[in-house]
């Protein structure tokens, strides 16, 4: 699966068949595989930093 955080829309999304679908409960997202790719923008905003920090805190406790 692929998940992205959209800074403009301030939310997490996943690709579902043929469109981006908003994640209803982002607190359920976890990085569950030891091998993952993290890519992003050169223009990280405060909400993007917060989303990444919270994801890593949930995933790597």
PDB file of N, CA and C in Angstrom:
ATOM      1  N   UNK A   1       0.829  -1.209   0.000  1.00  0.00           N
ATOM      2  CA  UNK A   1       0.000   0.000   0.000  1.00  0.00           C
ATOM      3  C   UNK A   1       0.866   1.263   0.000  1.00  0.00           C
ATOM      4  N   UNK A   2       0.271   2.350  -0.458  1.00  0.00           N
ATOM      5  CA  UNK A   2       0.964   3.639  -0.454  1.00  0.00           C
ATOM      6  C   UNK A   2       0.115   4.638   0.326  1.00  0.00           C
ATOM      7  N   UNK A   3       0.796   5.419   1.168  1.00  0.00           N
ATOM      8  CA  UNK A   3       0.132   6.437   1.968  1.00  0.00           C
ATOM      9  C   UNK A   3       0.882   7.746   1.787  1.00  0.00           C
ATOM     10  N   UNK A   4       0.149   8.844   1.699  1.00  0.00           N
ATOM     11  CA  UNK A   4       0.760  10.166   1.570  1.00  0.00           C
ATOM     12  C   UNK A   4       0.062  11.137   2.508  1.00  0.00           C
ATOM     13  N   UNK A   5       0.826  12.122   2.967  1.00  0.00           N
ATOM     14  CA  UNK A   5       0.239  13.215   3.736  1.00  0.00           C
ATOM     15  C   UNK A   5       0.190  14.424   2.825  1.00  0.00           C
ATOM     16  N   UNK A   6      -1.003  14.959   2.620  1.00  0.00           N
ATOM     17  CA  UNK A   6      -1.202  16.133   1.772  1.00  0.00           C
ATOM     18  C   UNK A   6      -1.226  17.362   2.675  1.00  0.00           C
ATOM     19  N   UNK A   7      -0.183  18.186   2.592  1.00  0.00           N
ATOM     20  CA  UNK A   7      -0.092  19.364   3.451  1.00  0.00           C
ATOM     21  C   UNK A   7      -1.210  20.361   3.170  1.00  0.00           C
ATOM     22  N   UNK A   8      -1.562  20.536   1.909  1.00  0.00           N
ATOM     23  CA  UNK A   8      -2.616  21.498   1.567  1.00  0.00           C
ATOM     24  C   UNK A   8      -3.970  21.069   2.121  1.00  0.00           C
ATOM     25  N   UNK A   9      -4.230  19.767   2.085  1.00  0.00           N
ATOM     26  CA  UNK A   9      -5.518  19.247   2.572  1.00  0.00           C
ATOM     27  C   UNK A   9      -5.430  18.800   4.028  1.00  0.00           C
ATOM     28  N   UNK A  10      -4.218  18.834   4.591  1.00  0.00           N
ATOM     29  CA  UNK A  10      -3.966  18.510   5.994  1.00  0.00           C
ATOM     30  C   UNK A  10      -4.509  17.135   6.378  1.00  0.00           C
ATOM     31  N   UNK A  11      -4.196  16.133   5.562  1.00  0.00           N
ATOM     32  CA  UNK A  11      -4.691  14.794   5.864  1.00  0.00           C
ATOM     33  C   UNK A  11      -3.883  13.713   5.181  1.00  0.00           C
ATOM     34  N   UNK A  12      -4.054  12.484   5.678  1.00  0.00           N
ATOM     35  CA  UNK A  12      -3.420  11.296   5.112  1.00  0.00           C
ATOM     36  C   UNK A  12      -4.344  10.670   4.084  1.00  0.00           C
ATOM     37  N   UNK A  13      -3.754  10.160   2.990  1.00  0.00           N
ATOM     38  CA  UNK A  13      -4.516   9.540   1.908  1.00  0.00           C
ATOM     39  C   UNK A  13      -3.837   8.244   1.482  1.00  0.00           C
ATOM     40  N   UNK A  14      -4.634   7.340   0.916  1.00  0.00           N
ATOM     41  CA  UNK A  14      -4.115   6.107   0.338  1.00  0.00           C
ATOM     42  C   UNK A  14      -4.694   5.949  -1.061  1.00  0.00           C
ATOM     43  N   UNK A  15      -3.958   5.251  -1.920  1.00  0.00           N
ATOM     44  CA  UNK A  15      -4.433   5.004  -3.280  1.00  0.00           C
ATOM     45  C   UNK A  15      -5.375   3.817  -3.239  1.00  0.00           C
ATOM     46  N   UNK A  16      -6.603   4.015  -3.693  1.00  0.00           N
ATOM     47  CA  UNK A  16      -7.623   2.960  -3.686  1.00  0.00           C
ATOM     48  C   UNK A  16      -8.183   2.812  -5.093  1.00  0.00           C
ATOM     49  N   UNK A  17      -7.726   1.796  -5.786  1.00  0.00           N
ATOM     50  CA  UNK A  17      -8.157   1.451  -7.142  1.00  0.00           C
ATOM     51  C   UNK A  17      -7.797   2.528  -8.157  1.00  0.00           C
ATOM     52  N   UNK A  18      -8.545   3.640  -8.183  1.00  0.00           N
ATOM     53  CA  UNK A  18      -8.286   4.658  -9.203  1.00  0.00           C
ATOM     54  C   UNK A  18      -8.336   6.080  -8.662  1.00  0.00           C
ATOM     55  N   UNK A  19      -8.224   6.221  -7.341  1.00  0.00           N
ATOM     56  CA  UNK A  19      -8.301   7.572  -6.763  1.00  0.00           C
ATOM     57  C   UNK A  19      -7.659   7.589  -5.382  1.00  0.00           C
ATOM     58  N   UNK A  20      -7.386   8.790  -4.898  1.00  0.00           N
ATOM     59  CA  UNK A  20      -6.890   8.965  -3.543  1.00  0.00           C
ATOM     60  C   UNK A  20      -8.067   8.966  -2.580  1.00  0.00           C
ATOM     61  N   UNK A  21      -7.963   8.195  -1.528  1.00  0.00           N
ATOM     62  CA  UNK A  21      -9.029   8.090  -0.528  1.00  0.00           C
ATOM     63  C   UNK A  21      -8.472   8.580   0.808  1.00  0.00           C
ATOM     64  N   UNK A  22      -9.201   9.494   1.454  1.00  0.00           N
ATOM     65  CA  UNK A  22      -8.747  10.025   2.733  1.00  0.00           C
ATOM     66  C   UNK A  22      -8.841   8.963   3.820  1.00  0.00           C
ATOM     67  N   UNK A  23      -7.829   8.920   4.672  1.00  0.00           N
ATOM     68  CA  UNK A  23      -7.814   7.996   5.803  1.00  0.00           C
ATOM     69  C   UNK A  23      -8.687   8.597   6.899  1.00  0.00           C
ATOM     70  N   UNK A  24      -9.750   7.890   7.269  1.00  0.00           N
ATOM     71  CA  UNK A  24     -10.700   8.406   8.255  1.00  0.00           C
ATOM     72  C   UNK A  24     -10.068   8.539   9.638  1.00  0.00           C
ATOM     73  N   UNK A  25      -9.231   7.576  10.020  1.00  0.00           N
ATOM     74  CA  UNK A  25      -8.602   7.593  11.345  1.00  0.00           C
ATOM     75  C   UNK A  25      -7.086   7.511  11.189  1.00  0.00           C
ATOM     76  N   UNK A  26      -6.422   8.648  10.998  1.00  0.00           N
ATOM     77  CA  UNK A  26      -4.980   8.624  10.775  1.00  0.00           C
ATOM     78  C   UNK A  26      -4.195   8.061  11.956  1.00  0.00           C
ATOM     79  N   UNK A  27      -4.785   8.064  13.150  1.00  0.00           N
ATOM     80  CA  UNK A  27      -4.073   7.515  14.309  1.00  0.00           C
ATOM     81  C   UNK A  27      -3.901   6.005  14.197  1.00  0.00           C
ATOM     82  N   UNK A  28      -4.596   5.383  13.243  1.00  0.00           N
ATOM     83  CA  UNK A  28      -4.448   3.938  13.036  1.00  0.00           C
ATOM     84  C   UNK A  28      -3.263   3.609  12.125  1.00  0.00           C
ATOM     85  N   UNK A  29      -2.691   4.619  11.461  1.00  0.00           N
ATOM     86  CA  UNK A  29      -1.559   4.376  10.555  1.00  0.00           C
ATOM     87  C   UNK A  29      -0.303   4.031  11.341  1.00  0.00           C
ATOM     88  N   UNK A  30       0.397   3.001  10.893  1.00  0.00           N
ATOM     89  CA  UNK A  30       1.664   2.572  11.482  1.00  0.00           C
ATOM     90  C   UNK A  30       2.585   2.099  10.353  1.00  0.00           C
ATOM     91  N   UNK A  31       3.873   2.307  10.523  1.00  0.00           N
ATOM     92  CA  UNK A  31       4.854   1.701   9.628  1.00  0.00           C
ATOM     93  C   UNK A  31       5.090   0.311  10.191  1.00  0.00           C
ATOM     94  N   UNK A  32       4.653  -0.709   9.460  1.00  0.00           N
ATOM     95  CA  UNK A  32       4.690  -2.063   9.983  1.00  0.00           C
ATOM     96  C   UNK A  32       5.761  -2.947   9.387  1.00  0.00           C
ATOM     97  N   UNK A  33       6.505  -2.429   8.435  1.00  0.00           N
ATOM     98  CA  UNK A  33       7.529  -3.224   7.777  1.00  0.00           C
ATOM     99  C   UNK A  33       8.883  -2.576   8.038  1.00  0.00           C
ATOM    100  N   UNK A  34       9.921  -3.355   8.336  1.00  0.00           N
ATOM    101  CA  UNK A  34      11.226  -2.740   8.581  1.00  0.00           C
ATOM    102  C   UNK A  34      11.817  -2.074   7.333  1.00  0.00           C
ATOM    103  N   UNK A  35      11.292  -2.417   6.165  1.00  0.00           N
ATOM    104  CA  UNK A  35      11.738  -1.789   4.917  1.00  0.00           C
ATOM    105  C   UNK A  35      10.618  -0.920   4.372  1.00  0.00           C
ATOM    106  N   UNK A  36      10.860   0.367   4.329  1.00  0.00           N
ATOM    107  CA  UNK A  36       9.864   1.295   3.794  1.00  0.00           C
ATOM    108  C   UNK A  36      10.587   2.445   3.113  1.00  0.00           C
ATOM    109  N   UNK A  37       9.865   3.159   2.284  1.00  0.00           N
ATOM    110  CA  UNK A  37      10.416   4.326   1.603  1.00  0.00           C
ATOM    111  C   UNK A  37       9.682   5.559   2.085  1.00  0.00           C
ATOM    112  N   UNK A  38      10.426   6.560   2.435  1.00  0.00           N
ATOM    113  CA  UNK A  38       9.843   7.838   2.813  1.00  0.00           C
ATOM    114  C   UNK A  38      10.368   8.910   1.878  1.00  0.00           C
ATOM    115  N   UNK A  39       9.506   9.520   1.120  1.00  0.00           N
ATOM    116  CA  UNK A  39       9.907  10.593   0.211  1.00  0.00           C
ATOM    117  C   UNK A  39       9.012  11.790   0.468  1.00  0.00           C
ATOM    118  N   UNK A  40       9.395  12.922  -0.040  1.00  0.00           N
ATOM    119  CA  UNK A  40       8.540  14.073   0.196  1.00  0.00           C
ATOM    120  C   UNK A  40       9.003  15.321  -0.518  1.00  0.00           C
ATOM    121  N   UNK A  41       8.481  16.408  -0.050  1.00  0.00           N
ATOM    122  CA  UNK A  41       8.716  17.718  -0.629  1.00  0.00           C
ATOM    123  C   UNK A  41       9.956  18.377  -0.032  1.00  0.00           C
ATOM    124  N   UNK A  42      10.518  19.304  -0.755  1.00  0.00           N
ATOM    125  CA  UNK A  42      11.592  20.136  -0.203  1.00  0.00           C
ATOM    126  C   UNK A  42      11.012  21.253   0.650  1.00  0.00           C
ATOM    127  N   UNK A  43       9.702  21.422   0.614  1.00  0.00           N
ATOM    128  CA  UNK A  43       9.042  22.530   1.296  1.00  0.00           C
ATOM    129  C   UNK A  43       8.131  21.998   2.397  1.00  0.00           C
ATOM    130  N   UNK A  44       8.730  21.376   3.389  1.00  0.00           N
ATOM    131  CA  UNK A  44       7.972  20.779   4.475  1.00  0.00           C
ATOM    132  C   UNK A  44       7.405  21.865   5.384  1.00  0.00           C
ATOM    133  N   UNK A  45       6.107  21.799   5.617  1.00  0.00           N
ATOM    134  CA  UNK A  45       5.416  22.765   6.465  1.00  0.00           C
ATOM    135  C   UNK A  45       5.217  22.177   7.860  1.00  0.00           C
ATOM    136  N   UNK A  46       4.762  23.002   8.789  1.00  0.00           N
ATOM    137  CA  UNK A  46       4.585  22.554  10.174  1.00  0.00           C
ATOM    138  C   UNK A  46       3.652  21.356  10.279  1.00  0.00           C
ATOM    139  N   UNK A  47       2.545  21.365   9.525  1.00  0.00           N
ATOM    140  CA  UNK A  47       1.614  20.233   9.618  1.00  0.00           C
ATOM    141  C   UNK A  47       2.237  18.958   9.052  1.00  0.00           C
ATOM    142  N   UNK A  48       3.096  19.069   8.059  1.00  0.00           N
ATOM    143  CA  UNK A  48       3.798  17.907   7.519  1.00  0.00           C
ATOM    144  C   UNK A  48       4.801  17.350   8.516  1.00  0.00           C
ATOM    145  N   UNK A  49       5.545  18.240   9.177  1.00  0.00           N
ATOM    146  CA  UNK A  49       6.482  17.801  10.219  1.00  0.00           C
ATOM    147  C   UNK A  49       5.744  17.073  11.337  1.00  0.00           C
ATOM    148  N   UNK A  50       4.633  17.643  11.757  1.00  0.00           N
ATOM    149  CA  UNK A  50       3.838  17.042  12.834  1.00  0.00           C
ATOM    150  C   UNK A  50       3.313  15.670  12.421  1.00  0.00           C
ATOM    151  N   UNK A  51       2.809  15.552  11.200  1.00  0.00           N
ATOM    152  CA  UNK A  51       2.271  14.271  10.721  1.00  0.00           C
ATOM    153  C   UNK A  51       3.358  13.198  10.700  1.00  0.00           C
ATOM    154  N   UNK A  52       4.547  13.549  10.231  1.00  0.00           N
ATOM    155  CA  UNK A  52       5.655  12.590  10.185  1.00  0.00           C
ATOM    156  C   UNK A  52       6.092  12.220  11.600  1.00  0.00           C
ATOM    157  N   UNK A  53       6.246  13.212  12.460  1.00  0.00           N
ATOM    158  CA  UNK A  53       6.655  12.948  13.846  1.00  0.00           C
ATOM    159  C   UNK A  53       5.673  12.010  14.535  1.00  0.00           C
ATOM    160  N   UNK A  54       4.370  12.283  14.401  1.00  0.00           N
ATOM    161  CA  UNK A  54       3.359  11.444  15.044  1.00  0.00           C
ATOM    162  C   UNK A  54       3.362  10.030  14.473  1.00  0.00           C
ATOM    163  N   UNK A  55       3.524   9.899  13.153  1.00  0.00           N
ATOM    164  CA  UNK A  55       3.593   8.576  12.530  1.00  0.00           C
ATOM    165  C   UNK A  55       4.784   7.790  13.074  1.00  0.00           C
ATOM    166  N   UNK A  56       5.951   8.424  13.156  1.00  0.00           N
ATOM    167  CA  UNK A  56       7.138   7.731  13.664  1.00  0.00           C
ATOM    168  C   UNK A  56       6.976   7.379  15.141  1.00  0.00           C
ATOM    169  N   UNK A  57       6.386   8.265  15.936  1.00  0.00           N
ATOM    170  CA  UNK A  57       6.171   7.960  17.357  1.00  0.00           C
ATOM    171  C   UNK A  57       5.270   6.743  17.523  1.00  0.00           C
ATOM    172  N   UNK A  58       4.204   6.663  16.735  1.00  0.00           N
ATOM    173  CA  UNK A  58       3.305   5.500  16.821  1.00  0.00           C
ATOM    174  C   UNK A  58       3.985   4.228  16.337  1.00  0.00           C
ATOM    175  N   UNK A  59       4.835   4.354  15.351  1.00  0.00           N
ATOM    176  CA  UNK A  59       5.409   3.186  14.682  1.00  0.00           C
ATOM    177  C   UNK A  59       6.635   2.613  15.380  1.00  0.00           C
ATOM    178  N   UNK A  60       7.417   3.458  16.037  1.00  0.00           N
ATOM    179  CA  UNK A  60       8.716   3.014  16.558  1.00  0.00           C
ATOM    180  C   UNK A  60       8.847   3.233  18.058  1.00  0.00           C
ATOM    181  N   UNK A  61       7.861   2.835  18.803  1.00  0.00           N
ATOM    182  CA  UNK A  61       7.935   2.954  20.276  1.00  0.00           C
ATOM    183  C   UNK A  61       8.741   1.836  20.854  1.00  0.00           C
TER     184      UNK A  61
END
